[in-house]
């Protein structure tokens, strides 16, 4: 994963509060069942990619004026859940099965590699 994306994610990531309760519960289970040691691939990014989830980010500008300083331009960000997002792949059974398949693939790869 490119560093610029991780930096971007840190600024504009979708806060967990915007997730529907069913998706949030699946995310918690996903995070508990995945490797947390990779700091270059945060769990929430991995979850959003894994389930192909989308969100909406919006921003607005405002000018702040004070008597002591020049006017300054500020940008405020919001994120919200995209209601048209297909969450059919983001159900507990599907995610757990997918994680199990990845574990089996990894074990098979390790076994094959050790035989070479």
Protein backbone atom coordinates (compact mmCIF):
# COMPACT_ATOMS: atom_id res chain seq x y z
CA UNK A 1 0.00 0.00 0.00
CA UNK A 2 1.54 3.37 -0.96
CA UNK A 3 2.58 5.72 1.82
CA UNK A 4 0.63 8.61 0.27
CA UNK A 5 -2.58 6.61 0.66
CA UNK A 6 -1.91 5.87 4.32
CA UNK A 7 -1.27 9.59 4.86
CA UNK A 8 -4.45 10.46 2.96
CA UNK A 9 -6.40 7.91 5.00
CA UNK A 10 -5.14 9.51 8.20
CA UNK A 11 -6.64 12.82 7.10
CA UNK A 12 -9.87 11.76 5.39
CA UNK A 13 -10.74 8.33 6.73
CA UNK A 14 -14.36 7.47 7.44
CA UNK A 15 -14.92 7.59 11.17
CA UNK A 16 -16.37 4.40 12.62
CA UNK A 17 -19.37 6.38 13.95
CA UNK A 18 -20.78 6.67 10.41
CA UNK A 19 -21.00 2.90 9.94
CA UNK A 20 -24.39 1.21 10.21
CA UNK A 21 -24.53 -1.00 13.35
CA UNK A 22 -24.44 -4.24 11.33
CA UNK A 23 -21.31 -3.14 9.43
CA UNK A 24 -19.67 -1.88 12.63
CA UNK A 25 -20.19 -5.27 14.32
CA UNK A 26 -18.64 -7.06 11.34
CA UNK A 27 -15.70 -4.62 11.41
CA UNK A 28 -15.01 -5.39 15.09
CA UNK A 29 -15.03 -9.13 14.35
CA UNK A 30 -12.82 -8.60 11.29
CA UNK A 31 -10.27 -6.62 13.29
CA UNK A 32 -10.20 -9.25 16.06
CA UNK A 33 -9.51 -11.96 13.47
CA UNK A 34 -6.77 -10.24 11.48
CA UNK A 35 -3.11 -9.51 12.09
CA UNK A 36 -2.70 -6.14 13.81
CA UNK A 37 1.10 -6.02 13.67
CA UNK A 38 1.38 -4.40 10.22
CA UNK A 39 1.47 -0.66 10.94
CA UNK A 40 1.66 0.12 7.21
CA UNK A 41 -1.74 -1.45 6.68
CA UNK A 42 -4.16 -0.26 9.36
CA UNK A 43 -7.03 -2.61 10.14
CA UNK A 44 -9.76 -0.21 9.13
CA UNK A 45 -8.22 0.29 5.67
CA UNK A 46 -7.94 -3.47 5.32
CA UNK A 47 -11.60 -3.87 6.33
CA UNK A 48 -12.88 -1.24 3.88
CA UNK A 49 -10.86 -2.77 1.04
CA UNK A 50 -11.86 -6.31 1.98
CA UNK A 51 -15.59 -5.49 1.99
CA UNK A 52 -15.35 -2.93 -0.84
CA UNK A 53 -17.05 -0.26 1.24
CA UNK A 54 -17.51 3.36 0.21
CA UNK A 55 -18.28 6.54 2.04
CA UNK A 56 -18.88 10.17 1.15
CA UNK A 57 -16.45 12.88 2.15
CA UNK A 58 -17.52 16.49 1.94
CA UNK A 59 -15.87 19.74 2.83
CA UNK A 60 -16.77 23.38 3.08
CA UNK A 61 -14.78 26.57 3.31
CA UNK A 62 -15.25 29.41 5.73
CA UNK A 63 -13.49 32.69 6.29
CA UNK A 64 -12.60 33.45 9.85
CA UNK A 65 -12.20 37.11 10.67
CA UNK A 66 -10.79 38.60 13.82
CA UNK A 67 -9.83 42.15 14.62
CA UNK A 68 -6.22 41.24 15.37
CA UNK A 69 -5.34 39.22 12.26
CA UNK A 70 -5.96 39.03 8.57
CA UNK A 71 -8.94 36.91 7.47
CA UNK A 72 -8.03 33.24 7.21
CA UNK A 73 -9.55 30.55 5.06
CA UNK A 74 -10.52 27.33 6.86
CA UNK A 75 -11.69 24.01 5.50
CA UNK A 76 -14.00 21.75 7.47
CA UNK A 77 -14.46 18.08 6.56
CA UNK A 78 -17.36 15.68 7.05
CA UNK A 79 -17.74 12.04 6.26
CA UNK A 80 -20.96 10.12 6.01
CA UNK A 81 -22.07 6.66 5.06
CA UNK A 82 -23.07 6.15 1.45
CA UNK A 83 -26.53 4.57 1.63
CA UNK A 84 -26.21 3.08 -1.86
CA UNK A 85 -23.15 1.10 -0.85
CA UNK A 86 -23.58 -2.63 -1.44
CA UNK A 87 -23.05 -4.27 1.94
CA UNK A 88 -24.05 -7.75 0.81
CA UNK A 89 -20.43 -8.92 1.17
CA UNK A 90 -20.16 -7.32 4.57
CA UNK A 91 -22.06 -9.84 6.64
CA UNK A 92 -20.42 -11.76 9.43
CA UNK A 93 -20.58 -15.22 7.85
CA UNK A 94 -19.15 -14.02 4.53
CA UNK A 95 -16.29 -12.11 6.14
CA UNK A 96 -15.35 -14.98 8.48
CA UNK A 97 -15.42 -17.46 5.59
CA UNK A 98 -13.26 -15.14 3.51
CA UNK A 99 -10.75 -14.78 6.35
CA UNK A 100 -10.66 -18.57 6.79
CA UNK A 101 -10.00 -19.00 3.06
CA UNK A 102 -7.11 -16.52 3.24
CA UNK A 103 -5.60 -18.42 6.17
CA UNK A 104 -5.85 -21.70 4.26
CA UNK A 105 -4.29 -20.13 1.17
CA UNK A 106 -1.46 -18.72 3.25
CA UNK A 107 -0.83 -22.09 4.90
CA UNK A 108 -0.86 -23.82 1.52
CA UNK A 109 1.59 -21.27 0.13
CA UNK A 110 3.91 -21.74 3.12
CA UNK A 111 3.76 -25.52 2.75
CA UNK A 112 4.48 -25.36 -0.98
CA UNK A 113 7.32 -22.90 -0.43
CA UNK A 114 8.91 -25.12 2.23
CA UNK A 115 8.92 -28.06 -0.19
CA UNK A 116 10.90 -26.17 -2.80
